[in-house]
Structures are given as C-alpha cells and as structure tokens.
Amino acid sequence: RDSRYFGRWHGPLFVRRLSRLAELAAAWTAIRARLARRPDLAERARLWREVAAIYRNAAACHEPT
C-alpha cells in the first residue's frame, strides 16, 4: 500500500480527487448528523453555508471530470 506505487498506477490527480471525495463524504456525514438533531434556523443557515463552501472547494480543486 505504498503511496508512490499507487500514484504510479492512478496518477496524482486521481489520488487527489479520491481524497477530496473522502473529505466530502466525511463533511456530509457530519452535517447530516447535525441536521438530525433538529437545529434552529441560524444553525441550519450556517450548515448550508458550510455545504456551499465544500462544493466550491470541490469545484476549485480539480477540473470537471
């Protein structure tokens, strides 16, 4: 499971995209968990701003597939 070996097969772009996806998934689960606790409106707005920031970062991270 050597990272250089992995990079040789898939290329660094693929690896970066994969880690970004993992990041997205982790962020989403955290946000879903917080939404499940029925947050008030202010908290909900803050959550959605976070979501928007996540997607902006994801879009800026790599060119569209």
PDB file of N, CA and C in Angstrom:
ATOM      1  N   ARG A   1       0.846  -1.198   0.000  1.00  0.00           N
ATOM      2  CA  ARG A   1       0.000   0.000   0.000  1.00  0.00           C
ATOM      3  C   ARG A   1       0.882   1.248   0.000  1.00  0.00           C
ATOM      4  N   ASP A   2       1.931   1.174  -0.784  1.00  0.00           N
ATOM      5  CA  ASP A   2       2.838   2.319  -0.878  1.00  0.00           C
ATOM      6  C   ASP A   2       2.201   3.406  -1.733  1.00  0.00           C
ATOM      7  N   SER A   3       2.210   4.631  -1.250  1.00  0.00           N
ATOM      8  CA  SER A   3       1.505   5.708  -1.945  1.00  0.00           C
ATOM      9  C   SER A   3       2.140   6.018  -3.301  1.00  0.00           C
ATOM     10  N   ARG A   4       3.446   5.868  -3.377  1.00  0.00           N
ATOM     11  CA  ARG A   4       4.099   6.139  -4.662  1.00  0.00           C
ATOM     12  C   ARG A   4       3.689   5.093  -5.699  1.00  0.00           C
ATOM     13  N   TYR A   5       3.584   3.864  -5.248  1.00  0.00           N
ATOM     14  CA  TYR A   5       3.142   2.774  -6.113  1.00  0.00           C
ATOM     15  C   TYR A   5       1.726   3.053  -6.614  1.00  0.00           C
ATOM     16  N   PHE A   6       0.888   3.459  -5.685  1.00  0.00           N
ATOM     17  CA  PHE A   6      -0.494   3.805  -6.010  1.00  0.00           C
ATOM     18  C   PHE A   6      -0.533   4.949  -7.027  1.00  0.00           C
ATOM     19  N   GLY A   7       0.322   5.962  -6.784  1.00  0.00           N
ATOM     20  CA  GLY A   7       0.359   7.116  -7.675  1.00  0.00           C
ATOM     21  C   GLY A   7       0.814   6.740  -9.068  1.00  0.00           C
ATOM     22  N   ARG A   8       1.721   5.756  -9.139  1.00  0.00           N
ATOM     23  CA  ARG A   8       2.233   5.341 -10.439  1.00  0.00           C
ATOM     24  C   ARG A   8       1.112   4.730 -11.276  1.00  0.00           C
ATOM     25  N   TRP A   9       0.201   4.042 -10.599  1.00  0.00           N
ATOM     26  CA  TRP A   9      -0.888   3.402 -11.335  1.00  0.00           C
ATOM     27  C   TRP A   9      -1.994   4.377 -11.703  1.00  0.00           C
ATOM     28  N   HIS A  10      -2.355   5.236 -10.783  1.00  0.00           N
ATOM     29  CA  HIS A  10      -3.551   6.049 -10.989  1.00  0.00           C
ATOM     30  C   HIS A  10      -3.257   7.511 -11.267  1.00  0.00           C
ATOM     31  N   GLY A  11      -2.039   7.922 -11.013  1.00  0.00           N
ATOM     32  CA  GLY A  11      -1.725   9.327 -11.220  1.00  0.00           C
ATOM     33  C   GLY A  11      -2.134  10.162 -10.028  1.00  0.00           C
ATOM     34  N   PRO A  12      -1.382  11.209  -9.749  1.00  0.00           N
ATOM     35  CA  PRO A  12      -1.636  12.035  -8.563  1.00  0.00           C
ATOM     36  C   PRO A  12      -2.985  12.733  -8.599  1.00  0.00           C
ATOM     37  N   LEU A  13      -3.473  13.024  -9.826  1.00  0.00           N
ATOM     38  CA  LEU A  13      -4.759  13.710  -9.937  1.00  0.00           C
ATOM     39  C   LEU A  13      -5.880  12.830  -9.393  1.00  0.00           C
ATOM     40  N   PHE A  14      -5.815  11.548  -9.786  1.00  0.00           N
ATOM     41  CA  PHE A  14      -6.824  10.600  -9.316  1.00  0.00           C
ATOM     42  C   PHE A  14      -6.810  10.497  -7.791  1.00  0.00           C
ATOM     43  N   VAL A  15      -5.608  10.421  -7.238  1.00  0.00           N
ATOM     44  CA  VAL A  15      -5.462  10.304  -5.785  1.00  0.00           C
ATOM     45  C   VAL A  15      -6.022  11.541  -5.091  1.00  0.00           C
ATOM     46  N   ARG A  16      -5.708  12.714  -5.649  1.00  0.00           N
ATOM     47  CA  ARG A  16      -6.201  13.962  -5.063  1.00  0.00           C
ATOM     48  C   ARG A  16      -7.726  13.993  -5.111  1.00  0.00           C
ATOM     49  N   ARG A  17      -8.273  13.537  -6.244  1.00  0.00           N
ATOM     50  CA  ARG A  17      -9.719  13.534  -6.411  1.00  0.00           C
ATOM     51  C   ARG A  17     -10.365  12.588  -5.409  1.00  0.00           C
ATOM     52  N   LEU A  18      -9.687  11.447  -5.190  1.00  0.00           N
ATOM     53  CA  LEU A  18     -10.197  10.448  -4.259  1.00  0.00           C
ATOM     54  C   LEU A  18     -10.226  11.011  -2.839  1.00  0.00           C
ATOM     55  N   SER A  19      -9.130  11.674  -2.451  1.00  0.00           N
ATOM     56  CA  SER A  19      -9.057  12.228  -1.097  1.00  0.00           C
ATOM     57  C   SER A  19     -10.087  13.344  -0.937  1.00  0.00           C
ATOM     58  N   ARG A  20     -10.308  14.116  -2.014  1.00  0.00           N
ATOM     59  CA  ARG A  20     -11.329  15.160  -1.959  1.00  0.00           C
ATOM     60  C   ARG A  20     -12.711  14.544  -1.764  1.00  0.00           C
ATOM     61  N   LEU A  21     -12.961  13.430  -2.454  1.00  0.00           N
ATOM     62  CA  LEU A  21     -14.247  12.750  -2.309  1.00  0.00           C
ATOM     63  C   LEU A  21     -14.432  12.239  -0.882  1.00  0.00           C
ATOM     64  N   ALA A  22     -13.364  11.692  -0.323  1.00  0.00           N
ATOM     65  CA  ALA A  22     -13.434  11.198   1.054  1.00  0.00           C
ATOM     66  C   ALA A  22     -13.740  12.346   2.012  1.00  0.00           C
ATOM     67  N   GLU A  23     -13.093  13.488   1.745  1.00  0.00           N
ATOM     68  CA  GLU A  23     -13.333  14.684   2.545  1.00  0.00           C
ATOM     69  C   GLU A  23     -14.801  15.104   2.463  1.00  0.00           C
ATOM     70  N   LEU A  24     -15.327  15.127   1.229  1.00  0.00           N
ATOM     71  CA  LEU A  24     -16.724  15.480   1.004  1.00  0.00           C
ATOM     72  C   LEU A  24     -17.641  14.567   1.798  1.00  0.00           C
ATOM     73  N   ALA A  25     -17.380  13.265   1.700  1.00  0.00           N
ATOM     74  CA  ALA A  25     -18.232  12.288   2.377  1.00  0.00           C
ATOM     75  C   ALA A  25     -18.208  12.504   3.886  1.00  0.00           C
ATOM     76  N   ALA A  26     -17.019  12.750   4.420  1.00  0.00           N
ATOM     77  CA  ALA A  26     -16.891  12.970   5.860  1.00  0.00           C
ATOM     78  C   ALA A  26     -17.652  14.226   6.285  1.00  0.00           C
ATOM     79  N   ALA A  27     -17.490  15.289   5.506  1.00  0.00           N
ATOM     80  CA  ALA A  27     -18.184  16.540   5.814  1.00  0.00           C
ATOM     81  C   ALA A  27     -19.697  16.336   5.772  1.00  0.00           C
ATOM     82  N   TRP A  28     -20.161  15.607   4.745  1.00  0.00           N
ATOM     83  CA  TRP A  28     -21.593  15.360   4.608  1.00  0.00           C
ATOM     84  C   TRP A  28     -22.153  14.597   5.788  1.00  0.00           C
ATOM     85  N   THR A  29     -21.430  13.535   6.228  1.00  0.00           N
ATOM     86  CA  THR A  29     -21.942  12.751   7.352  1.00  0.00           C
ATOM     87  C   THR A  29     -22.023  13.609   8.609  1.00  0.00           C
ATOM     88  N   ALA A  30     -21.017  14.471   8.815  1.00  0.00           N
ATOM     89  CA  ALA A  30     -21.039  15.358   9.975  1.00  0.00           C
ATOM     90  C   ALA A  30     -22.244  16.295   9.905  1.00  0.00           C
ATOM     91  N   ILE A  31     -22.483  16.848   8.716  1.00  0.00           N
ATOM     92  CA  ILE A  31     -23.588  17.792   8.544  1.00  0.00           C
ATOM     93  C   ILE A  31     -24.935  17.095   8.715  1.00  0.00           C
ATOM     94  N   ARG A  32     -25.055  15.877   8.138  1.00  0.00           N
ATOM     95  CA  ARG A  32     -26.306  15.123   8.275  1.00  0.00           C
ATOM     96  C   ARG A  32     -26.579  14.826   9.754  1.00  0.00           C
ATOM     97  N   ALA A  33     -25.510  14.483  10.488  1.00  0.00           N
ATOM     98  CA  ALA A  33     -25.673  14.180  11.913  1.00  0.00           C
ATOM     99  C   ALA A  33     -26.183  15.412  12.661  1.00  0.00           C
ATOM    100  N   ARG A  34     -25.643  16.576  12.298  1.00  0.00           N
ATOM    101  CA  ARG A  34     -26.075  17.803  12.968  1.00  0.00           C
ATOM    102  C   ARG A  34     -27.497  18.177  12.571  1.00  0.00           C
ATOM    103  N   LEU A  35     -27.880  17.894  11.324  1.00  0.00           N
ATOM    104  CA  LEU A  35     -29.244  18.175  10.889  1.00  0.00           C
ATOM    105  C   LEU A  35     -30.233  17.254  11.598  1.00  0.00           C
ATOM    106  N   ALA A  36     -29.798  16.037  11.904  1.00  0.00           N
ATOM    107  CA  ALA A  36     -30.686  15.073  12.544  1.00  0.00           C
ATOM    108  C   ALA A  36     -31.090  15.530  13.943  1.00  0.00           C
ATOM    109  N   ARG A  37     -30.280  16.403  14.540  1.00  0.00           N
ATOM    110  CA  ARG A  37     -30.593  16.906  15.880  1.00  0.00           C
ATOM    111  C   ARG A  37     -31.555  18.097  15.841  1.00  0.00           C
ATOM    112  N   ARG A  38     -32.174  18.311  14.684  1.00  0.00           N
ATOM    113  CA  ARG A  38     -33.151  19.393  14.509  1.00  0.00           C
ATOM    114  C   ARG A  38     -32.603  20.748  14.963  1.00  0.00           C
ATOM    115  N   PRO A  39     -31.619  21.280  14.242  1.00  0.00           N
ATOM    116  CA  PRO A  39     -31.036  22.569  14.632  1.00  0.00           C
ATOM    117  C   PRO A  39     -32.013  23.715  14.386  1.00  0.00           C
ATOM    118  N   ASP A  40     -31.803  24.827  15.072  1.00  0.00           N
ATOM    119  CA  ASP A  40     -32.634  26.002  14.838  1.00  0.00           C
ATOM    120  C   ASP A  40     -32.235  26.634  13.499  1.00  0.00           C
ATOM    121  N   LEU A  41     -32.965  27.674  13.114  1.00  0.00           N
ATOM    122  CA  LEU A  41     -32.762  28.247  11.780  1.00  0.00           C
ATOM    123  C   LEU A  41     -31.363  28.810  11.583  1.00  0.00           C
ATOM    124  N   ALA A  42     -30.825  29.479  12.590  1.00  0.00           N
ATOM    125  CA  ALA A  42     -29.494  30.070  12.460  1.00  0.00           C
ATOM    126  C   ALA A  42     -28.448  28.980  12.222  1.00  0.00           C
ATOM    127  N   GLU A  43     -28.556  27.906  13.011  1.00  0.00           N
ATOM    128  CA  GLU A  43     -27.630  26.788  12.858  1.00  0.00           C
ATOM    129  C   GLU A  43     -27.768  26.160  11.468  1.00  0.00           C
ATOM    130  N   ARG A  44     -29.026  26.049  11.018  1.00  0.00           N
ATOM    131  CA  ARG A  44     -29.280  25.449   9.712  1.00  0.00           C
ATOM    132  C   ARG A  44     -28.656  26.286   8.594  1.00  0.00           C
ATOM    133  N   ALA A  45     -28.800  27.613   8.709  1.00  0.00           N
ATOM    134  CA  ALA A  45     -28.202  28.502   7.712  1.00  0.00           C
ATOM    135  C   ALA A  45     -26.687  28.345   7.694  1.00  0.00           C
ATOM    136  N   ARG A  46     -26.108  28.230   8.890  1.00  0.00           N
ATOM    137  CA  ARG A  46     -24.659  28.050   8.974  1.00  0.00           C
ATOM    138  C   ARG A  46     -24.247  26.731   8.308  1.00  0.00           C
ATOM    139  N   LEU A  47     -25.031  25.686   8.526  1.00  0.00           N
ATOM    140  CA  LEU A  47     -24.749  24.390   7.900  1.00  0.00           C
ATOM    141  C   LEU A  47     -24.767  24.507   6.381  1.00  0.00           C
ATOM    142  N   TRP A  48     -25.770  25.199   5.849  1.00  0.00           N
ATOM    143  CA  TRP A  48     -25.861  25.296   4.396  1.00  0.00           C
ATOM    144  C   TRP A  48     -24.731  26.129   3.814  1.00  0.00           C
ATOM    145  N   ARG A  49     -24.287  27.150   4.568  1.00  0.00           N
ATOM    146  CA  ARG A  49     -23.112  27.896   4.106  1.00  0.00           C
ATOM    147  C   ARG A  49     -21.900  26.978   4.043  1.00  0.00           C
ATOM    148  N   GLU A  50     -21.789  26.079   5.033  1.00  0.00           N
ATOM    149  CA  GLU A  50     -20.694  25.108   5.034  1.00  0.00           C
ATOM    150  C   GLU A  50     -20.773  24.212   3.808  1.00  0.00           C
ATOM    151  N   VAL A  51     -21.976  23.739   3.514  1.00  0.00           N
ATOM    152  CA  VAL A  51     -22.172  22.879   2.342  1.00  0.00           C
ATOM    153  C   VAL A  51     -21.728  23.599   1.080  1.00  0.00           C
ATOM    154  N   ALA A  52     -22.160  24.857   0.948  1.00  0.00           N
ATOM    155  CA  ALA A  52     -21.798  25.637  -0.238  1.00  0.00           C
ATOM    156  C   ALA A  52     -20.285  25.778  -0.355  1.00  0.00           C
ATOM    157  N   ALA A  53     -19.625  26.028   0.779  1.00  0.00           N
ATOM    158  CA  ALA A  53     -18.167  26.166   0.772  1.00  0.00           C
ATOM    159  C   ALA A  53     -17.503  24.860   0.355  1.00  0.00           C
ATOM    160  N   ILE A  54     -18.035  23.744   0.848  1.00  0.00           N
ATOM    161  CA  ILE A  54     -17.488  22.431   0.480  1.00  0.00           C
ATOM    162  C   ILE A  54     -17.554  22.246  -1.029  1.00  0.00           C
ATOM    163  N   TYR A  55     -18.707  22.567  -1.610  1.00  0.00           N
ATOM    164  CA  TYR A  55     -18.839  22.357  -3.046  1.00  0.00           C
ATOM    165  C   TYR A  55     -17.980  23.319  -3.857  1.00  0.00           C
ATOM    166  N   ARG A  56     -17.836  24.553  -3.374  1.00  0.00           N
ATOM    167  CA  ARG A  56     -16.935  25.481  -4.060  1.00  0.00           C
ATOM    168  C   ARG A  56     -15.517  24.939  -4.044  1.00  0.00           C
ATOM    169  N   ASN A  57     -15.085  24.430  -2.880  1.00  0.00           N
ATOM    170  CA  ASN A  57     -13.743  23.864  -2.779  1.00  0.00           C
ATOM    171  C   ASN A  57     -13.582  22.672  -3.708  1.00  0.00           C
ATOM    172  N   ALA A  58     -14.591  21.820  -3.744  1.00  0.00           N
ATOM    173  CA  ALA A  58     -14.525  20.636  -4.588  1.00  0.00           C
ATOM    174  C   ALA A  58     -14.412  21.035  -6.052  1.00  0.00           C
ATOM    175  N   ALA A  59     -15.157  22.073  -6.444  1.00  0.00           N
ATOM    176  CA  ALA A  59     -15.129  22.520  -7.832  1.00  0.00           C
ATOM    177  C   ALA A  59     -13.784  23.154  -8.171  1.00  0.00           C
ATOM    178  N   ALA A  60     -13.222  23.904  -7.218  1.00  0.00           N
ATOM    179  CA  ALA A  60     -11.962  24.591  -7.473  1.00  0.00           C
ATOM    180  C   ALA A  60     -10.784  23.622  -7.441  1.00  0.00           C
ATOM    181  N   CYS A  61     -10.991  22.473  -6.761  1.00  0.00           N
ATOM    182  CA  CYS A  61      -9.880  21.546  -6.552  1.00  0.00           C
ATOM    183  C   CYS A  61      -9.410  20.914  -7.850  1.00  0.00           C
ATOM    184  N   HIS A  62     -10.353  20.571  -8.724  1.00  0.00           N
ATOM    185  CA  HIS A  62      -9.929  19.893  -9.957  1.00  0.00           C
ATOM    186  C   HIS A  62     -10.852  20.267 -11.099  1.00  0.00           C
ATOM    187  N   GLU A  63     -10.354  20.131 -12.304  1.00  0.00           N
ATOM    188  CA  GLU A  63     -11.171  20.397 -13.474  1.00  0.00           C
ATOM    189  C   GLU A  63     -12.291  19.369 -13.538  1.00  0.00           C
ATOM    190  N   PRO A  64     -13.445  19.728 -14.093  1.00  0.00           N
ATOM    191  CA  PRO A  64     -14.577  18.787 -14.129  1.00  0.00           C
ATOM    192  C   PRO A  64     -14.212  17.498 -14.860  1.00  0.00           C
ATOM    193  N   THR A  65     -14.764  16.395 -14.377  1.00  0.00           N
ATOM    194  CA  THR A  65     -14.449  15.083 -14.961  1.00  0.00           C
ATOM    195  C   THR A  65     -15.082  14.948 -16.339  1.00  0.00           C
TER     196      THR A  65
END
